[in-house]
Amino acid sequence: MRRRQVVDAAALVLSEVGAAAFTPAAVAKQAGLARSSMYQYYPSTDALLGAAVAEMLERSRDRMIAAVAAADTPAERVTAYVREAIDDATSGHATIPDLSGMHMPEVCREGVRALHDELLAPLREALQDAEVDNPEMASVLVRGLVNAAVSAAKHGAPREALTTATIDFVLRGVGLRA
């Protein structure tokens, strides 16, 4: 129960302040606990940060799975994936920060890598069902396009226009739209 409270608070703090300003003190304040109690649950700031990132990725994965599952055809599932991925990354609500410079214990990094793979699974499955050549490679390339759209949105480009253009580009690129 208390560990869940700490992880939820850590994910909220991370989404609000980013990795650079992430501290056990901020998490403790958000959770309504003493700062020293954070170390009962996580031995270091890096481990707490890893738990927050994993929580955010799990939430993102669950939203992604639900969005894709609600679609019928492979093209609709790919569309749902791209739309949800862009919305998830740009919504400002519990979005996952850039992980490239974060210091986390290796066990946390392994978990994050596994969760990233799980995030791609619904897309890979839709591409397999559409009989796209090399769905593994195609899913990585689609994710790259999504990342580019997210970056453009974060720099001021209109999100809905980017989403529509990205979906059209992806569907054409994998042969699901002429």
C-alpha atoms as a PDB file:
ATOM      1  CA  MET A   1       0.000   0.000   0.000  1.00  0.00           C
ATOM      2  CA  ARG A   2       2.653   2.532   1.045  1.00  0.00           C
ATOM      3  CA  ARG A   3       4.973   1.444  -1.796  1.00  0.00           C
ATOM      4  CA  ARG A   4       2.124   2.111  -4.283  1.00  0.00           C
ATOM      5  CA  GLN A   5       1.665   5.565  -2.738  1.00  0.00           C
ATOM      6  CA  VAL A   6       5.388   6.272  -3.163  1.00  0.00           C
ATOM      7  CA  VAL A   7       5.474   5.051  -6.775  1.00  0.00           C
ATOM      8  CA  ASP A   8       2.379   7.062  -7.709  1.00  0.00           C
ATOM      9  CA  ALA A   9       3.863  10.162  -6.107  1.00  0.00           C
ATOM     10  CA  ALA A  10       7.198   9.559  -7.844  1.00  0.00           C
ATOM     11  CA  ALA A  11       5.518   9.236 -11.251  1.00  0.00           C
ATOM     12  CA  LEU A  12       3.554  12.437 -10.655  1.00  0.00           C
ATOM     13  CA  VAL A  13       6.640  14.370  -9.547  1.00  0.00           C
ATOM     14  CA  LEU A  14       8.648  13.078 -12.508  1.00  0.00           C
ATOM     15  CA  SER A  15       5.913  14.099 -14.964  1.00  0.00           C
ATOM     16  CA  GLU A  16       5.658  17.555 -13.398  1.00  0.00           C
ATOM     17  CA  VAL A  17       9.315  18.502 -12.839  1.00  0.00           C
ATOM     18  CA  GLY A  18      11.327  16.150 -15.062  1.00  0.00           C
ATOM     19  CA  ALA A  19      14.363  14.087 -14.210  1.00  0.00           C
ATOM     20  CA  ALA A  20      16.686  17.011 -13.494  1.00  0.00           C
ATOM     21  CA  ALA A  21      14.538  18.305 -10.609  1.00  0.00           C
ATOM     22  CA  PHE A  22      13.386  14.893  -9.384  1.00  0.00           C
ATOM     23  CA  THR A  23      14.247  14.359  -5.700  1.00  0.00           C
ATOM     24  CA  PRO A  24      13.185  12.006  -2.916  1.00  0.00           C
ATOM     25  CA  ALA A  25      12.187  15.093  -0.930  1.00  0.00           C
ATOM     26  CA  ALA A  26       9.740  16.167  -3.645  1.00  0.00           C
ATOM     27  CA  VAL A  27       8.328  12.636  -3.831  1.00  0.00           C
ATOM     28  CA  ALA A  28       7.995  12.439  -0.046  1.00  0.00           C
ATOM     29  CA  LYS A  29       6.169  15.761   0.030  1.00  0.00           C
ATOM     30  CA  GLN A  30       3.791  14.612  -2.735  1.00  0.00           C
ATOM     31  CA  ALA A  31       3.184  11.302  -0.932  1.00  0.00           C
ATOM     32  CA  GLY A  32       2.740  12.978   2.441  1.00  0.00           C
ATOM     33  CA  LEU A  33       5.642  11.073   3.977  1.00  0.00           C
ATOM     34  CA  ALA A  34       8.919  11.957   5.638  1.00  0.00           C
ATOM     35  CA  ARG A  35      11.864  12.215   3.227  1.00  0.00           C
ATOM     36  CA  SER A  36      13.798   9.590   5.165  1.00  0.00           C
ATOM     37  CA  SER A  37      10.968   7.094   4.682  1.00  0.00           C
ATOM     38  CA  MET A  38      11.639   7.044   0.910  1.00  0.00           C
ATOM     39  CA  TYR A  39      14.722   4.946   1.547  1.00  0.00           C
ATOM     40  CA  GLN A  40      12.629   2.242   3.228  1.00  0.00           C
ATOM     41  CA  TYR A  41      11.130   1.575  -0.196  1.00  0.00           C
ATOM     42  CA  TYR A  42      13.951   2.526  -2.580  1.00  0.00           C
ATOM     43  CA  PRO A  43      17.650   2.506  -1.634  1.00  0.00           C
ATOM     44  CA  SER A  44      18.617   5.455  -3.838  1.00  0.00           C
ATOM     45  CA  THR A  45      17.269   8.356  -5.851  1.00  0.00           C
ATOM     46  CA  ASP A  46      18.151   6.432  -9.019  1.00  0.00           C
ATOM     47  CA  ALA A  47      16.112   3.409  -7.910  1.00  0.00           C
ATOM     48  CA  LEU A  48      13.155   5.659  -7.070  1.00  0.00           C
ATOM     49  CA  LEU A  49      13.512   7.351 -10.443  1.00  0.00           C
ATOM     50  CA  GLY A  50      13.591   3.941 -12.135  1.00  0.00           C
ATOM     51  CA  ALA A  51      10.387   2.938 -10.350  1.00  0.00           C
ATOM     52  CA  ALA A  52       8.714   6.176 -11.477  1.00  0.00           C
ATOM     53  CA  VAL A  53       9.761   5.647 -15.096  1.00  0.00           C
ATOM     54  CA  ALA A  54       8.583   2.027 -15.026  1.00  0.00           C
ATOM     55  CA  GLU A  55       5.222   3.118 -13.616  1.00  0.00           C
ATOM     56  CA  MET A  56       4.798   5.731 -16.313  1.00  0.00           C
ATOM     57  CA  LEU A  57       5.714   3.241 -19.037  1.00  0.00           C
ATOM     58  CA  GLU A  58       3.277   0.673 -17.650  1.00  0.00           C
ATOM     59  CA  ARG A  59       0.469   3.240 -17.696  1.00  0.00           C
ATOM     60  CA  SER A  60       1.399   4.234 -21.228  1.00  0.00           C
ATOM     61  CA  ARG A  61       1.493   0.587 -22.314  1.00  0.00           C
ATOM     62  CA  ASP A  62      -1.944  -0.037 -20.811  1.00  0.00           C
ATOM     63  CA  ARG A  63      -3.426   3.005 -22.597  1.00  0.00           C
ATOM     64  CA  MET A  64      -1.802   1.860 -25.836  1.00  0.00           C
ATOM     65  CA  ILE A  65      -3.144  -1.678 -25.565  1.00  0.00           C
ATOM     66  CA  ALA A  66      -6.660  -0.386 -24.835  1.00  0.00           C
ATOM     67  CA  ALA A  67      -6.603   2.049 -27.774  1.00  0.00           C
ATOM     68  CA  VAL A  68      -5.374  -0.547 -30.254  1.00  0.00           C
ATOM     69  CA  ALA A  69      -7.742  -3.244 -28.946  1.00  0.00           C
ATOM     70  CA  ALA A  70     -10.720  -0.958 -29.601  1.00  0.00           C
ATOM     71  CA  ALA A  71      -9.893  -0.842 -33.335  1.00  0.00           C
ATOM     72  CA  ASP A  72     -10.927  -3.514 -35.803  1.00  0.00           C
ATOM     73  CA  THR A  73      -8.812  -3.662 -38.950  1.00  0.00           C
ATOM     74  CA  PRO A  74      -5.013  -3.637 -39.061  1.00  0.00           C
ATOM     75  CA  ALA A  75      -5.095  -0.130 -40.596  1.00  0.00           C
ATOM     76  CA  GLU A  76      -7.371   1.100 -37.794  1.00  0.00           C
ATOM     77  CA  ARG A  77      -5.101  -0.510 -35.209  1.00  0.00           C
ATOM     78  CA  VAL A  78      -2.003   1.160 -36.676  1.00  0.00           C
ATOM     79  CA  THR A  79      -3.915   4.463 -36.737  1.00  0.00           C
ATOM     80  CA  ALA A  80      -4.958   3.995 -33.104  1.00  0.00           C
ATOM     81  CA  TYR A  81      -1.365   3.208 -32.138  1.00  0.00           C
ATOM     82  CA  VAL A  82       0.069   6.314 -33.803  1.00  0.00           C
ATOM     83  CA  ARG A  83      -2.674   8.572 -32.428  1.00  0.00           C
ATOM     84  CA  GLU A  84      -2.350   7.230 -28.880  1.00  0.00           C
ATOM     85  CA  ALA A  85       1.459   7.345 -28.956  1.00  0.00           C
ATOM     86  CA  ILE A  86       1.472  11.001 -30.011  1.00  0.00           C
ATOM     87  CA  ASP A  87      -1.321  11.939 -27.604  1.00  0.00           C
ATOM     88  CA  ASP A  88       0.370  10.075 -24.766  1.00  0.00           C
ATOM     89  CA  ALA A  89       3.704  11.778 -25.315  1.00  0.00           C
ATOM     90  CA  THR A  90       2.325  15.294 -25.787  1.00  0.00           C
ATOM     91  CA  SER A  91      -0.658  15.426 -23.452  1.00  0.00           C
ATOM     92  CA  GLY A  92       1.255  16.840 -20.526  1.00  0.00           C
ATOM     93  CA  HIS A  93      -0.491  14.353 -18.243  1.00  0.00           C
ATOM     94  CA  ALA A  94       1.969  11.773 -16.925  1.00  0.00           C
ATOM     95  CA  THR A  95       4.064  11.932 -20.066  1.00  0.00           C
ATOM     96  CA  ILE A  96       7.301  10.000 -20.037  1.00  0.00           C
ATOM     97  CA  PRO A  97      10.378  12.240 -19.950  1.00  0.00           C
ATOM     98  CA  ASP A  98      13.423  11.808 -22.152  1.00  0.00           C
ATOM     99  CA  LEU A  99      15.279   8.856 -20.666  1.00  0.00           C
ATOM    100  CA  SER A 100      18.551   9.239 -22.527  1.00  0.00           C
ATOM    101  CA  GLY A 101      20.489  11.040 -19.802  1.00  0.00           C
ATOM    102  CA  MET A 102      18.866   9.445 -16.767  1.00  0.00           C
ATOM    103  CA  HIS A 103      20.921   7.457 -14.330  1.00  0.00           C
ATOM    104  CA  MET A 104      19.129   4.334 -13.159  1.00  0.00           C
ATOM    105  CA  PRO A 105      20.351   1.035 -11.777  1.00  0.00           C
ATOM    106  CA  GLU A 106      20.895  -1.535 -14.521  1.00  0.00           C
ATOM    107  CA  VAL A 107      17.999  -3.641 -13.273  1.00  0.00           C
ATOM    108  CA  CYS A 108      15.736  -0.617 -13.791  1.00  0.00           C
ATOM    109  CA  ARG A 109      17.179  -0.027 -17.261  1.00  0.00           C
ATOM    110  CA  GLU A 110      16.468  -3.654 -18.178  1.00  0.00           C
ATOM    111  CA  GLY A 111      12.888  -3.229 -17.013  1.00  0.00           C
ATOM    112  CA  VAL A 112      12.522  -0.015 -19.001  1.00  0.00           C
ATOM    113  CA  ARG A 113      13.857  -1.746 -22.134  1.00  0.00           C
ATOM    114  CA  ALA A 114      11.339  -4.567 -21.657  1.00  0.00           C
ATOM    115  CA  LEU A 115       8.499  -2.076 -21.205  1.00  0.00           C
ATOM    116  CA  HIS A 116       9.578  -0.200 -24.351  1.00  0.00           C
ATOM    117  CA  ASP A 117       9.360  -3.492 -26.221  1.00  0.00           C
ATOM    118  CA  GLU A 118       5.887  -4.074 -24.773  1.00  0.00           C
ATOM    119  CA  LEU A 119       4.868  -0.615 -26.012  1.00  0.00           C
ATOM    120  CA  LEU A 120       5.736  -1.670 -29.570  1.00  0.00           C
ATOM    121  CA  ALA A 121       3.947  -5.035 -29.373  1.00  0.00           C
ATOM    122  CA  PRO A 122       0.440  -3.821 -30.361  1.00  0.00           C
ATOM    123  CA  LEU A 123       1.909  -2.039 -33.390  1.00  0.00           C
ATOM    124  CA  ARG A 124       4.005  -5.060 -34.384  1.00  0.00           C
ATOM    125  CA  GLU A 125       0.966  -7.316 -34.127  1.00  0.00           C
ATOM    126  CA  ALA A 126      -1.146  -4.983 -36.284  1.00  0.00           C
ATOM    127  CA  LEU A 127       1.608  -4.861 -38.897  1.00  0.00           C
ATOM    128  CA  GLN A 128       1.909  -8.667 -38.832  1.00  0.00           C
ATOM    129  CA  ASP A 129      -1.859  -8.994 -39.300  1.00  0.00           C
ATOM    130  CA  ALA A 130      -1.620  -6.599 -42.253  1.00  0.00           C
ATOM    131  CA  GLU A 131       1.097  -8.857 -43.698  1.00  0.00           C
ATOM    132  CA  VAL A 132       3.601  -6.009 -43.824  1.00  0.00           C
ATOM    133  CA  ASP A 133       7.087  -7.160 -44.774  1.00  0.00           C
ATOM    134  CA  ASN A 134       9.377  -7.226 -41.735  1.00  0.00           C
ATOM    135  CA  PRO A 135       6.919  -5.933 -39.112  1.00  0.00           C
ATOM    136  CA  GLU A 136       9.719  -5.729 -36.533  1.00  0.00           C
ATOM    137  CA  MET A 137      11.684  -3.211 -38.604  1.00  0.00           C
ATOM    138  CA  ALA A 138       8.522  -1.411 -39.696  1.00  0.00           C
ATOM    139  CA  SER A 139       7.434  -0.962 -36.069  1.00  0.00           C
ATOM    140  CA  VAL A 140      10.803   0.592 -35.171  1.00  0.00           C
ATOM    141  CA  LEU A 141      10.551   2.968 -38.138  1.00  0.00           C
ATOM    142  CA  VAL A 142       6.975   3.918 -37.236  1.00  0.00           C
ATOM    143  CA  ARG A 143       8.090   4.624 -33.694  1.00  0.00           C
ATOM    144  CA  GLY A 144      10.811   6.888 -35.111  1.00  0.00           C
ATOM    145  CA  LEU A 145       8.188   8.838 -37.066  1.00  0.00           C
ATOM    146  CA  VAL A 146       6.067   9.126 -33.944  1.00  0.00           C
ATOM    147  CA  ASN A 147       9.087  10.423 -32.015  1.00  0.00           C
ATOM    148  CA  ALA A 148       9.720  13.015 -34.746  1.00  0.00           C
ATOM    149  CA  ALA A 149       6.076  14.137 -34.585  1.00  0.00           C
ATOM    150  CA  VAL A 150       6.257  14.412 -30.803  1.00  0.00           C
ATOM    151  CA  SER A 151       9.438  16.483 -31.038  1.00  0.00           C
ATOM    152  CA  ALA A 152       7.819  18.821 -33.563  1.00  0.00           C
ATOM    153  CA  ALA A 153       4.722  19.172 -31.357  1.00  0.00           C
ATOM    154  CA  LYS A 154       6.876  19.999 -28.351  1.00  0.00           C
ATOM    155  CA  HIS A 155       8.486  22.738 -30.455  1.00  0.00           C
ATOM    156  CA  GLY A 156       5.145  24.331 -31.292  1.00  0.00           C
ATOM    157  CA  ALA A 157       3.829  22.528 -34.361  1.00  0.00           C
ATOM    158  CA  PRO A 158       0.072  21.888 -34.210  1.00  0.00           C
ATOM    159  CA  ARG A 159      -0.463  18.448 -32.660  1.00  0.00           C
ATOM    160  CA  GLU A 160      -3.595  17.435 -34.583  1.00  0.00           C
ATOM    161  CA  ALA A 161      -2.072  18.344 -37.953  1.00  0.00           C
ATOM    162  CA  LEU A 162       1.083  16.418 -37.053  1.00  0.00           C
ATOM    163  CA  THR A 163      -0.964  13.432 -35.933  1.00  0.00           C
ATOM    164  CA  THR A 164      -2.997  13.376 -39.142  1.00  0.00           C
ATOM    165  CA  ALA A 165       0.103  13.746 -41.326  1.00  0.00           C
ATOM    166  CA  THR A 166       1.994  11.073 -39.380  1.00  0.00           C
ATOM    167  CA  ILE A 167      -0.891   8.612 -39.646  1.00  0.00           C
ATOM    168  CA  ASP A 168      -1.197   9.237 -43.391  1.00  0.00           C
ATOM    169  CA  PHE A 169       2.570   8.867 -43.899  1.00  0.00           C
ATOM    170  CA  VAL A 170       2.712   5.659 -41.844  1.00  0.00           C
ATOM    171  CA  LEU A 171      -0.283   4.043 -43.541  1.00  0.00           C
ATOM    172  CA  ARG A 172       1.112   4.854 -46.968  1.00  0.00           C
ATOM    173  CA  GLY A 173       4.591   3.709 -45.962  1.00  0.00           C
ATOM    174  CA  VAL A 174       3.448   0.279 -44.801  1.00  0.00           C
ATOM    175  CA  GLY A 175       1.077  -0.139 -47.747  1.00  0.00           C
ATOM    176  CA  LEU A 176      -2.215   0.191 -45.874  1.00  0.00           C
ATOM    177  CA  ARG A 177      -3.287   3.292 -47.848  1.00  0.00           C
ATOM    178  CA  ALA A 178      -2.710   4.071 -51.501  1.00  0.00           C
END
